[in-house]
Amino acid sequence: MRYLYLCIFFFIISQYSYGQIPSVDILFKGATVYDGTTSEGKKQDVGIKGDKIIFVGRYKKSKVKAKEIIDADGYVLAPGFIDPHTHIEADLSHEERKANLPYLMQGVTTVIGGNDGSGPLPISRKLEEWERNGIGTNAGLFVGHGTVRRMVLGNRDIAPSEEDLEEMKKIVAQAMEDGAIGLSTGLFYAPGSFAKKDEVVALAKVAHGYGGIYDTHMRDESSYSIGLINSVKETLEIGEESGIPVHFSHIKALGADVWGKSSEVITLIEKSQAEGLKVTANQYPYEASRTSLIAATVPRWAEDGGYEALLERIANPNLKDTLRNGIAENIRRRGGPASLILSTSDHPEWDGYSIEKMASDWEVDPAEVVVEILKKSSEVRVVSFNMRADDIENFMKQPWVMTGSDGVVGHPRKYGSFTKKITEYALEKEILPLHIAIHSSSGKTALTLGISKRGFIKEGYFADIIMFKPKALIDHADYLQPSALSTGMTHVLVNGQFAVKDGRFTSILAGKAIKKD
């Protein structure tokens, strides 16, 4: 009996000597864990307590105690995906859409907005609103150069004075202090298109001073103005002259004039990387883009002053031929009138029709179709099939390219980018292995954006975790049904809480506002 007491005594002492037995709220047992790094999956158990991951290993060996055990044998366990380029500001502020289901059902647990140079200000007010009202995913924001420029200069094609530039710098600095991820530009769009490189460099230096990055829809992804290659060079020069890390949003070679130039773009970027500049990019895995009809077809000079000024130029008989010729050329460079499909909820009688079909029905040329539509609405958007598969795959294989949806209503990329990359490009086409597809959708993105304690399955990190069987994932969204939710995510946890359990939304809004450290 004395021997038994001694054994019990030494067992108790050993627990205090070597650490108490871990106790977790949820234990995922026997999963193949892809931890968000470039490592392949490994059989492990993962324990969560509160909103953190506190155990990664083998639970029997460590004698972990759990309130709930989930048998994850045969499943993948991975970090929640992070989308660096979305347009979710309105959704997260809308009572019926703030759950952010299009992203949750793909396994996306963190989204970033304020891209393309456009986003809400002040940053602090929007982040506080989301946290107060509840959101389904974590969310952060860039400060948009176009928004800042519009606040100071309006929609005019003018250069800022020294006083104007100082005011713009102060706005950017305040946004960075409020937690912005960095500075975003939309130099393809007005009013960002009116800015010269030096203006952007000056503002990028401010963001860099706070540890931010430079995220850009660069000036030209095609042959609209300075051309794809010169636009890449300009973007890299902005990084070199300001010192800021550069991030190309939705990297692509858009339109027949630049098809096949992905290798040249990659060479330019790798040269800058070799010289010490931090350069990354995101990409959505679709051959069609979606943007406003104005941005796709109207020459930038005609936008000086905004939509009302554009209407005046449309009505000006002296500009009729010049404007229509410019529109016709932009239609050509995007692949022709058959490749541009109208996308609008305000005018359902146009929705889903190509410009070519509209021209035939109205018995006018394609440029005149655009003019007549713009007389009635500035909000019509267009889906244009303007990318080639070999360029998409070439970019996707690069270790510095990550997944980003550029998610908007009317295009399947909002509902399927992350699912499609795994199912089609990793599993079916084997363009990249599964562990790299996961890394480029999670850990790589967290490191690029400077988001701490997310993007990896590691002890001490926030419990943004997804569990799924890769072959069960389906991206249902296509160009005919662009708003069909993905399926196949068994569990999605946001900050340790089940946002999706057994494939169904739980109605729990566990998302947090993400601020740059």
Protein backbone atom coordinates (compact mmCIF):
# COMPACT_ATOMS: atom_id res chain seq x y z
CA MET A 1 0.00 0.00 0.00
CA ARG A 2 2.86 2.33 0.90
CA TYR A 3 4.36 1.67 -2.55
CA LEU A 4 1.04 2.59 -4.20
CA TYR A 5 0.88 5.91 -2.31
CA LEU A 6 4.44 6.70 -3.36
CA CYS A 7 3.54 6.04 -7.03
CA ILE A 8 0.54 8.36 -6.83
CA PHE A 9 2.63 11.01 -5.09
CA PHE A 10 5.37 10.96 -7.73
CA PHE A 11 2.78 10.99 -10.55
CA ILE A 12 1.21 14.16 -9.16
CA ILE A 13 4.61 15.77 -8.67
CA SER A 14 5.58 14.89 -12.24
CA GLN A 15 2.58 16.75 -13.61
CA TYR A 16 3.68 19.94 -11.90
CA SER A 17 7.33 19.35 -12.76
CA TYR A 18 6.78 18.85 -16.46
CA GLY A 19 3.68 21.01 -16.97
CA GLN A 20 0.06 20.36 -16.26
CA ILE A 21 -1.95 18.19 -18.64
CA PRO A 22 -3.29 20.50 -21.37
CA SER A 23 -7.04 21.09 -21.36
CA VAL A 24 -8.75 22.30 -24.54
CA ASP A 25 -12.27 23.23 -25.58
CA ILE A 26 -12.08 21.51 -28.98
CA LEU A 27 -9.67 18.84 -30.17
CA PHE A 28 -9.39 17.90 -33.85
CA LYS A 29 -8.11 14.34 -33.79
CA GLY A 30 -6.20 12.57 -36.57
CA ALA A 31 -6.36 15.29 -39.23
CA THR A 32 -3.91 15.77 -42.07
CA VAL A 33 -2.69 19.22 -41.05
CA TYR A 34 -1.51 21.70 -43.66
CA ASP A 35 -0.13 24.36 -41.37
CA GLY A 36 -0.02 27.28 -43.85
CA THR A 37 3.71 26.98 -44.57
CA THR A 38 5.22 25.41 -47.69
CA SER A 39 5.37 22.04 -45.90
CA GLU A 40 3.24 19.11 -47.00
CA GLY A 41 0.41 17.82 -44.83
CA LYS A 42 1.19 15.82 -41.69
CA LYS A 43 -0.97 13.67 -39.41
CA GLN A 44 -1.54 15.69 -36.23
CA ASP A 45 -4.05 16.67 -33.58
CA VAL A 46 -4.95 20.31 -32.94
CA GLY A 47 -6.41 21.72 -29.74
CA ILE A 48 -8.26 25.04 -29.30
CA LYS A 49 -8.99 26.93 -26.11
CA GLY A 50 -11.01 30.12 -26.38
CA ASP A 51 -9.95 31.94 -29.53
CA LYS A 52 -6.44 30.46 -29.71
CA ILE A 53 -4.69 27.31 -30.90
CA ILE A 54 -2.87 25.99 -27.82
CA PHE A 55 -1.87 22.50 -28.90
CA VAL A 56 -0.44 20.97 -32.08
CA GLY A 57 0.93 17.43 -31.83
CA ARG A 58 -0.36 13.98 -30.83
CA TYR A 59 -2.89 14.22 -28.05
CA LYS A 60 -2.40 10.72 -26.59
CA LYS A 61 1.30 11.33 -26.14
CA SER A 62 0.64 14.64 -24.39
CA LYS A 63 -2.42 13.36 -22.51
CA VAL A 64 -4.54 16.30 -23.72
CA LYS A 65 -8.00 16.59 -22.17
CA ALA A 66 -10.81 17.96 -24.35
CA LYS A 67 -14.40 19.06 -23.80
CA GLU A 68 -15.23 18.20 -27.43
CA ILE A 69 -13.34 15.83 -29.71
CA ILE A 70 -13.85 15.98 -33.47
CA ASP A 71 -12.74 12.95 -35.43
CA ALA A 72 -10.84 14.53 -38.33
CA ASP A 73 -9.35 11.34 -39.74
CA GLY A 74 -9.51 11.55 -43.55
CA TYR A 75 -9.92 15.33 -43.49
CA VAL A 76 -7.60 18.23 -44.18
CA LEU A 77 -7.17 20.77 -41.40
CA ALA A 78 -5.79 24.11 -42.59
CA PRO A 79 -5.62 27.76 -41.56
CA GLY A 80 -8.60 29.84 -42.60
CA PHE A 81 -7.93 31.45 -45.96
CA ILE A 82 -7.10 35.16 -46.21
CA ASP A 83 -8.30 37.23 -49.17
CA PRO A 84 -6.09 40.30 -49.78
CA HIS A 85 -8.40 41.91 -52.34
CA THR A 86 -12.15 42.13 -51.90
CA HIS A 87 -14.87 44.73 -52.18
CA ILE A 88 -16.74 43.79 -49.00
CA GLU A 89 -17.23 47.19 -47.43
CA ALA A 90 -20.93 47.44 -48.29
CA ASP A 91 -21.60 43.78 -47.47
CA LEU A 92 -20.09 43.94 -43.99
CA SER A 93 -22.10 47.09 -43.26
CA HIS A 94 -25.36 45.51 -44.43
CA GLU A 95 -27.53 43.73 -41.86
CA GLU A 96 -28.43 40.86 -44.20
CA ARG A 97 -24.97 40.36 -45.73
CA LYS A 98 -22.56 41.00 -42.87
CA ALA A 99 -22.12 37.27 -42.25
CA ASN A 100 -20.03 37.26 -45.45
CA LEU A 101 -21.24 33.83 -46.57
CA PRO A 102 -19.71 33.94 -50.07
CA TYR A 103 -16.31 33.88 -48.37
CA LEU A 104 -17.04 31.70 -45.32
CA MET A 105 -18.34 28.88 -47.51
CA GLN A 106 -14.99 28.86 -49.36
CA GLY A 107 -13.08 28.68 -46.07
CA VAL A 108 -12.08 32.36 -46.10
CA THR A 109 -11.91 33.69 -42.54
CA THR A 110 -10.21 37.05 -43.16
CA VAL A 111 -10.94 39.59 -45.90
CA ILE A 112 -9.25 42.86 -46.81
CA GLY A 113 -11.02 45.79 -48.48
CA GLY A 114 -10.18 49.31 -49.58
CA ASN A 115 -8.48 48.03 -52.73
CA ASP A 116 -8.17 49.65 -56.17
CA GLY A 117 -7.64 53.04 -54.53
CA SER A 118 -11.18 53.15 -53.17
CA GLY A 119 -12.42 52.62 -49.63
CA PRO A 120 -14.03 54.14 -46.56
CA LEU A 121 -12.51 56.89 -44.45
CA PRO A 122 -11.94 57.30 -41.59
CA ILE A 123 -10.58 53.75 -41.29
CA SER A 124 -11.11 53.68 -37.51
CA ARG A 125 -14.82 54.48 -37.80
CA LYS A 126 -15.49 51.65 -40.26
CA LEU A 127 -13.50 49.06 -38.28
CA GLU A 128 -15.24 50.07 -35.06
CA GLU A 129 -18.64 49.83 -36.77
CA TRP A 130 -17.95 46.30 -37.98
CA GLU A 131 -16.73 45.12 -34.61
CA ARG A 132 -19.69 46.71 -32.83
CA ASN A 133 -22.36 45.33 -35.18
CA GLY A 134 -20.78 41.91 -35.74
CA ILE A 135 -19.27 40.40 -38.89
CA GLY A 136 -18.87 36.83 -40.06
CA THR A 137 -15.19 37.07 -41.01
CA ASN A 138 -12.25 39.08 -39.81
CA ALA A 139 -11.78 42.21 -41.92
CA GLY A 140 -9.18 44.91 -42.50
CA LEU A 141 -8.75 47.88 -44.85
CA PHE A 142 -6.28 49.64 -47.08
CA VAL A 143 -6.38 53.42 -47.35
CA GLY A 144 -7.40 54.20 -50.93
CA HIS A 145 -5.37 56.75 -52.88
CA GLY A 146 -8.34 57.54 -55.13
CA THR A 147 -10.51 58.31 -52.11
CA VAL A 148 -7.83 60.55 -50.63
CA ARG A 149 -7.29 62.33 -53.96
CA ARG A 150 -11.01 62.89 -54.45
CA MET A 151 -11.30 64.40 -50.96
CA VAL A 152 -8.60 66.96 -51.73
CA LEU A 153 -8.79 67.49 -55.52
CA GLY A 154 -12.15 66.13 -56.61
CA ASN A 155 -12.36 64.17 -59.88
CA ARG A 156 -10.18 66.64 -61.78
CA ASP A 157 -7.19 65.90 -63.99
CA ILE A 158 -4.83 68.23 -62.13
CA ALA A 159 -1.62 67.90 -60.15
CA PRO A 160 -1.71 68.64 -56.43
CA SER A 161 -0.05 71.78 -55.11
CA GLU A 162 2.45 71.44 -52.27
CA GLU A 163 -0.34 72.28 -49.83
CA ASP A 164 -2.65 69.72 -51.47
CA LEU A 165 -0.02 67.01 -51.25
CA GLU A 166 0.64 67.76 -47.59
CA GLU A 167 -3.08 67.42 -46.89
CA MET A 168 -3.15 64.08 -48.72
CA LYS A 169 -0.14 62.90 -46.71
CA LYS A 170 -1.90 63.77 -43.45
CA ILE A 171 -4.97 61.77 -44.47
CA VAL A 172 -2.83 58.74 -45.33
CA ALA A 173 -0.89 59.06 -42.07
CA GLN A 174 -4.10 59.16 -40.02
CA ALA A 175 -5.45 56.10 -41.84
CA MET A 176 -2.23 54.21 -41.11
CA GLU A 177 -2.44 55.20 -37.44
CA ASP A 178 -6.01 53.89 -37.48
CA GLY A 179 -4.70 50.47 -38.54
CA ALA A 180 -4.73 50.46 -42.36
CA ILE A 181 -2.79 47.61 -43.99
CA GLY A 182 -1.15 50.02 -46.41
CA LEU A 183 -1.86 52.26 -49.38
CA SER A 184 -3.89 51.03 -52.34
CA THR A 185 -4.10 52.65 -55.75
CA GLY A 186 -6.34 52.27 -58.76
CA LEU A 187 -4.22 54.07 -61.33
CA PHE A 188 -6.35 52.58 -64.11
CA TYR A 189 -9.44 54.36 -62.76
CA ALA A 190 -10.28 58.04 -62.48
CA PRO A 191 -9.28 59.95 -60.39
CA GLY A 192 -6.22 57.79 -59.64
CA SER A 193 -5.41 57.74 -63.35
CA PHE A 194 -4.81 61.49 -63.20
CA ALA A 195 -1.97 61.08 -60.67
CA LYS A 196 1.67 61.16 -61.75
CA LYS A 197 4.20 58.73 -60.30
CA ASP A 198 5.79 61.31 -57.97
CA GLU A 199 2.46 61.90 -56.21
CA VAL A 200 2.06 58.19 -55.55
CA VAL A 201 5.67 57.85 -54.36
CA ALA A 202 5.17 60.67 -51.85
CA LEU A 203 2.10 58.99 -50.35
CA ALA A 204 3.69 55.53 -50.45
CA LYS A 205 6.57 56.87 -48.35
CA VAL A 206 4.06 57.86 -45.67
CA ALA A 207 2.48 54.39 -45.63
CA HIS A 208 5.92 52.78 -45.61
CA GLY A 209 6.81 54.80 -42.53
CA TYR A 210 4.09 52.90 -40.68
CA GLY A 211 5.18 49.50 -42.00
CA GLY A 212 2.46 49.37 -44.67
CA ILE A 213 2.58 47.87 -48.15
CA TYR A 214 1.68 49.29 -51.57
CA ASP A 215 -1.25 47.45 -53.18
CA THR A 216 -2.08 48.46 -56.74
CA HIS A 217 -4.43 48.03 -59.63
CA MET A 218 -1.67 49.38 -61.81
CA ARG A 219 -2.09 51.98 -64.52
CA ASP A 220 -2.41 49.55 -67.42
CA GLU A 221 -2.84 45.78 -67.54
CA SER A 222 -3.31 45.92 -71.31
CA SER A 223 -2.55 48.58 -73.92
CA TYR A 224 -4.83 51.40 -72.77
CA SER A 225 -2.20 54.01 -71.98
CA ILE A 226 1.44 53.21 -71.15
CA GLY A 227 1.00 49.48 -71.75
CA LEU A 228 1.39 46.41 -69.52
CA ILE A 229 5.19 46.28 -69.44
CA ASN A 230 5.68 49.99 -68.79
CA SER A 231 3.01 49.83 -66.13
CA VAL A 232 4.85 47.01 -64.36
CA LYS A 233 8.03 49.09 -64.55
CA GLU A 234 6.24 52.12 -63.09
CA THR A 235 4.90 50.03 -60.22
CA LEU A 236 8.34 48.67 -59.41
CA GLU A 237 9.82 52.17 -59.59
CA ILE A 238 7.24 53.35 -57.03
CA GLY A 239 8.47 50.62 -54.71
CA GLU A 240 12.14 51.36 -55.35
CA GLU A 241 11.78 55.13 -54.87
CA SER A 242 9.63 54.91 -51.72
CA GLY A 243 11.13 51.76 -50.19
CA ILE A 244 7.67 50.23 -49.73
CA PRO A 245 6.91 46.54 -50.43
CA VAL A 246 4.91 46.25 -53.67
CA HIS A 247 1.85 44.07 -54.19
CA PHE A 248 0.23 43.70 -57.63
CA SER A 249 -3.50 43.14 -57.35
CA HIS A 250 -5.16 40.63 -59.71
CA ILE A 251 -2.00 40.27 -61.79
CA LYS A 252 -2.85 39.49 -65.41
CA ALA A 253 -2.16 40.07 -69.09
CA LEU A 254 -5.46 41.58 -70.23
CA GLY A 255 -6.44 41.63 -73.89
CA ALA A 256 -5.11 40.36 -77.21
CA ASP A 257 -2.38 43.01 -77.41
CA VAL A 258 -0.56 41.59 -74.37
CA TRP A 259 -1.43 37.89 -74.37
CA GLY A 260 1.67 35.80 -73.79
CA LYS A 261 3.55 38.56 -71.96
CA SER A 262 3.27 36.94 -68.51
CA SER A 263 6.86 35.64 -68.75
CA GLU A 264 8.17 39.13 -69.48
CA VAL A 265 6.28 40.49 -66.47
CA ILE A 266 7.66 37.72 -64.25
CA THR A 267 11.22 38.44 -65.42
CA LEU A 268 10.87 42.13 -64.52
CA ILE A 269 9.50 41.31 -61.07
CA GLU A 270 12.17 38.71 -60.32
CA LYS A 271 14.89 41.19 -61.30
CA SER A 272 13.53 43.70 -58.76
CA GLN A 273 13.27 40.98 -56.14
CA ALA A 274 16.91 40.03 -56.75
CA GLU A 275 17.84 43.69 -56.20
CA GLY A 276 16.14 43.67 -52.79
CA LEU A 277 12.62 44.95 -53.43
CA LYS A 278 9.80 42.98 -51.79
CA VAL A 279 7.33 42.19 -54.56
CA THR A 280 4.23 39.97 -54.40
CA ALA A 281 0.93 39.66 -56.25
CA ASN A 282 -2.53 38.17 -55.96
CA GLN A 283 -4.62 36.53 -58.66
CA TYR A 284 -8.10 35.16 -59.28
CA PRO A 285 -8.32 31.96 -61.37
CA TYR A 286 -10.71 33.10 -64.12
CA GLU A 287 -10.32 34.10 -67.75
CA ALA A 288 -12.87 36.93 -67.50
CA SER A 289 -12.61 40.16 -65.54
CA ARG A 290 -15.42 42.44 -64.35
CA THR A 291 -15.35 46.20 -64.10
CA SER A 292 -17.49 49.23 -64.87
CA LEU A 293 -18.50 49.83 -68.48
CA ILE A 294 -16.98 53.30 -68.16
CA ALA A 295 -13.60 51.98 -67.00
CA ALA A 296 -13.54 49.27 -69.66
CA THR A 297 -14.52 51.34 -72.67
CA VAL A 298 -14.30 55.13 -72.13
CA PRO A 299 -11.00 56.99 -72.75
CA ARG A 300 -9.71 58.48 -69.49
CA TRP A 301 -9.62 62.05 -70.83
CA ALA A 302 -13.40 61.92 -71.18
CA GLU A 303 -13.81 61.24 -67.43
CA ASP A 304 -12.07 64.41 -66.28
CA GLY A 305 -14.59 66.03 -63.93
CA GLY A 306 -16.69 62.91 -63.33
CA TYR A 307 -19.86 61.42 -64.83
CA GLU A 308 -21.65 64.72 -65.47
CA ALA A 309 -18.65 65.99 -67.42
CA LEU A 310 -18.63 62.74 -69.41
CA LEU A 311 -22.28 63.28 -70.36
CA GLU A 312 -21.44 66.79 -71.57
CA ARG A 313 -18.70 65.39 -73.79
CA ILE A 314 -21.06 62.73 -75.14
CA ALA A 315 -23.48 65.51 -76.12
CA ASN A 316 -20.73 67.66 -77.70
CA PRO A 317 -20.90 67.19 -81.51
CA ASN A 318 -17.28 68.32 -81.87
CA LEU A 319 -16.13 65.33 -79.77
CA LYS A 320 -18.47 62.73 -81.29
CA ASP A 321 -15.99 60.99 -83.59
CA THR A 322 -13.01 61.25 -81.21
CA LEU A 323 -14.96 59.78 -78.29
CA ARG A 324 -16.58 56.98 -80.27
CA ASN A 325 -13.29 56.04 -81.94
CA GLY A 326 -11.69 55.80 -78.50
CA ILE A 327 -14.52 53.60 -77.24
CA ALA A 328 -14.26 51.36 -80.32
CA GLU A 329 -10.52 50.91 -79.75
CA ASN A 330 -11.06 49.99 -76.09
CA ILE A 331 -13.69 47.42 -77.09
CA ARG A 332 -11.18 45.92 -79.53
CA ARG A 333 -8.36 45.69 -77.01
CA ARG A 334 -10.61 43.85 -74.53
CA GLY A 335 -11.35 41.12 -77.08
CA GLY A 336 -14.12 42.60 -79.22
CA PRO A 337 -17.86 43.25 -78.69
CA ALA A 338 -18.75 39.56 -78.41
CA SER A 339 -16.45 39.14 -75.39
CA LEU A 340 -17.98 41.99 -73.36
CA ILE A 341 -21.09 40.88 -71.45
CA LEU A 342 -23.24 43.48 -69.71
CA SER A 343 -23.82 42.94 -66.00
CA THR A 344 -26.44 45.09 -64.30
CA SER A 345 -29.29 44.63 -61.86
CA ASP A 346 -30.64 48.16 -62.46
CA HIS A 347 -31.43 47.34 -66.10
CA PRO A 348 -32.37 43.64 -66.27
CA GLU A 349 -33.33 44.07 -69.94
CA TRP A 350 -29.60 44.43 -70.70
CA ASP A 351 -28.18 41.95 -68.19
CA GLY A 352 -26.32 39.02 -69.73
CA TYR A 353 -26.26 40.42 -73.27
CA SER A 354 -23.02 41.00 -75.15
CA ILE A 355 -22.32 44.38 -76.69
CA GLU A 356 -22.28 42.59 -80.04
CA LYS A 357 -25.83 41.28 -79.44
CA MET A 358 -27.01 44.73 -78.33
CA ALA A 359 -25.48 46.32 -81.45
CA SER A 360 -27.32 43.81 -83.64
CA ASP A 361 -30.65 44.33 -81.85
CA TRP A 362 -30.35 48.12 -81.88
CA GLU A 363 -28.89 48.22 -85.40
CA VAL A 364 -26.00 50.48 -84.40
CA ASP A 365 -22.25 49.94 -84.06
CA PRO A 366 -20.82 48.67 -80.72
CA ALA A 367 -19.38 52.05 -79.71
CA GLU A 368 -22.82 53.62 -80.08
CA VAL A 369 -24.28 50.91 -77.81
CA VAL A 370 -21.86 52.03 -75.09
CA VAL A 371 -22.75 55.68 -75.58
CA GLU A 372 -26.51 55.02 -75.39
CA ILE A 373 -26.12 52.93 -72.24
CA LEU A 374 -23.96 55.58 -70.56
CA LYS A 375 -26.58 58.22 -71.27
CA LYS A 376 -28.96 56.23 -69.05
CA SER A 377 -26.63 54.88 -66.33
CA SER A 378 -23.12 55.18 -64.90
CA GLU A 379 -23.49 51.98 -62.88
CA VAL A 380 -23.55 49.33 -65.61
CA ARG A 381 -20.69 46.86 -65.38
CA VAL A 382 -19.22 44.47 -67.89
CA VAL A 383 -17.77 40.95 -67.71
CA SER A 384 -15.11 40.64 -70.38
CA PHE A 385 -13.34 37.47 -71.47
CA ASN A 386 -9.88 38.87 -72.00
CA MET A 387 -7.30 36.53 -70.42
CA ARG A 388 -5.57 33.43 -71.69
CA ALA A 389 -5.18 30.18 -69.74
CA ASP A 390 -1.41 29.92 -70.24
CA ASP A 391 -0.84 33.37 -68.72
CA ILE A 392 -3.10 32.55 -65.76
CA GLU A 393 -1.21 29.33 -65.06
CA ASN A 394 2.19 30.96 -65.54
CA PHE A 395 1.43 33.58 -62.90
CA MET A 396 -0.17 31.05 -60.56
CA LYS A 397 2.97 28.91 -60.40
CA GLN A 398 5.12 31.74 -59.07
CA PRO A 399 5.97 31.44 -55.35
CA TRP A 400 5.15 35.14 -54.80
CA VAL A 401 1.58 34.93 -56.17
CA MET A 402 -1.29 34.30 -53.77
CA THR A 403 -5.04 33.87 -54.12
CA GLY A 404 -7.30 36.93 -54.20
CA SER A 405 -10.88 37.14 -55.40
CA ASP A 406 -11.38 40.83 -56.29
CA GLY A 407 -14.88 39.74 -55.34
CA VAL A 408 -17.82 41.65 -56.80
CA VAL A 409 -21.45 40.77 -57.48
CA GLY A 410 -22.03 39.46 -61.00
CA HIS A 411 -18.77 37.50 -61.32
CA PRO A 412 -18.18 33.97 -59.94
CA ARG A 413 -14.80 34.95 -58.49
CA LYS A 414 -16.48 36.31 -55.34
CA TYR A 415 -18.07 32.94 -54.63
CA GLY A 416 -15.51 30.51 -56.03
CA SER A 417 -11.92 31.76 -56.36
CA PHE A 418 -10.46 29.80 -53.44
CA THR A 419 -12.49 26.67 -54.11
CA LYS A 420 -11.72 26.73 -57.83
CA LYS A 421 -7.98 27.11 -57.26
CA ILE A 422 -7.91 23.94 -55.15
CA THR A 423 -10.31 21.81 -57.19
CA GLU A 424 -9.30 22.78 -60.72
CA TYR A 425 -5.73 24.00 -60.53
CA ALA A 426 -4.32 21.90 -57.66
CA LEU A 427 -6.28 18.63 -57.82
CA GLU A 428 -7.41 18.39 -61.46
CA LYS A 429 -4.73 20.16 -63.52
CA GLU A 430 -1.93 19.79 -60.94
CA ILE A 431 -0.59 23.25 -61.79
CA LEU A 432 0.56 23.44 -58.16
CA PRO A 433 0.40 20.93 -55.27
CA LEU A 434 -2.29 21.14 -52.61
CA HIS A 435 0.04 22.33 -49.86
CA ILE A 436 1.19 25.26 -52.02
CA ALA A 437 -2.40 26.11 -52.99
CA ILE A 438 -3.19 26.28 -49.26
CA HIS A 439 -0.01 28.23 -48.42
CA SER A 440 -0.74 30.79 -51.15
CA SER A 441 -4.23 31.25 -49.68
CA SER A 442 -3.23 31.57 -46.04
CA GLY A 443 0.28 31.85 -44.58
CA LYS A 444 1.81 33.60 -47.58
CA THR A 445 -0.95 36.21 -47.48
CA ALA A 446 -0.62 36.81 -43.74
CA LEU A 447 3.13 37.38 -44.08
CA THR A 448 2.67 39.69 -47.07
CA LEU A 449 0.04 41.87 -45.41
CA GLY A 450 1.71 41.87 -42.01
CA ILE A 451 -1.24 40.24 -40.27
CA SER A 452 0.07 38.72 -37.05
CA LYS A 453 -1.03 35.48 -35.41
CA ARG A 454 -3.17 34.39 -38.38
CA GLY A 455 -2.62 32.34 -41.51
CA PHE A 456 -0.88 29.41 -39.80
CA ILE A 457 -1.79 26.50 -37.57
CA LYS A 458 0.65 27.18 -34.75
CA GLU A 459 0.37 27.26 -30.98
CA GLY A 460 -0.50 30.75 -29.81
CA TYR A 461 -2.17 31.74 -33.10
CA PHE A 462 -5.83 32.67 -33.46
CA ALA A 463 -8.06 29.70 -34.14
CA ASP A 464 -9.12 30.51 -37.69
CA ILE A 465 -9.35 26.92 -38.91
CA ILE A 466 -11.02 25.05 -41.75
CA MET A 467 -11.71 21.31 -42.06
CA PHE A 468 -12.62 19.70 -45.37
CA LYS A 469 -12.11 16.84 -47.80
CA PRO A 470 -10.45 18.33 -50.91
CA LYS A 471 -12.38 16.16 -53.36
CA ALA A 472 -15.67 17.21 -51.74
CA LEU A 473 -15.14 20.90 -52.55
CA ILE A 474 -17.31 22.28 -55.36
CA ASP A 475 -17.36 25.81 -56.76
CA HIS A 476 -20.93 26.08 -58.02
CA ALA A 477 -20.60 29.68 -59.21
CA ASP A 478 -20.21 30.27 -62.94
CA TYR A 479 -20.95 33.10 -65.36
CA LEU A 480 -24.62 32.10 -65.61
CA GLN A 481 -25.03 31.67 -61.85
CA PRO A 482 -22.31 33.90 -60.40
CA SER A 483 -23.79 34.01 -56.90
CA ALA A 484 -23.93 30.26 -56.13
CA LEU A 485 -22.23 29.41 -52.84
CA SER A 486 -19.35 26.94 -52.75
CA THR A 487 -19.88 23.70 -50.84
CA GLY A 488 -17.62 21.15 -49.19
CA MET A 489 -16.27 23.01 -46.17
CA THR A 490 -17.24 20.76 -43.26
CA HIS A 491 -16.20 23.13 -40.48
CA VAL A 492 -15.04 26.76 -40.55
CA LEU A 493 -13.93 28.32 -37.26
CA VAL A 494 -13.38 32.05 -36.85
CA ASN A 495 -11.54 33.02 -33.66
CA GLY A 496 -12.32 29.62 -32.16
CA GLN A 497 -16.06 29.67 -32.88
CA PHE A 498 -17.93 27.59 -35.45
CA ALA A 499 -19.10 29.91 -38.23
CA VAL A 500 -19.81 26.84 -40.37
CA LYS A 501 -20.46 23.47 -38.74
CA ASP A 502 -21.22 20.30 -40.68
CA GLY A 503 -21.43 22.39 -43.83
CA ARG A 504 -24.06 24.83 -42.51
CA PHE A 505 -23.79 28.43 -41.38
CA THR A 506 -24.30 28.65 -37.62
CA SER A 507 -25.34 32.34 -37.54
CA ILE A 508 -22.39 33.07 -35.25
CA LEU A 509 -20.64 36.34 -36.10
CA ALA A 510 -17.17 35.88 -34.62
CA GLY A 511 -15.15 38.12 -36.95
CA LYS A 512 -12.84 40.83 -35.65
CA ALA A 513 -11.48 44.06 -37.09
CA ILE A 514 -7.93 43.55 -38.32
CA LYS A 515 -5.46 46.36 -37.79
CA LYS A 516 -1.90 46.63 -39.03
CA ASP A 517 0.50 46.17 -36.12
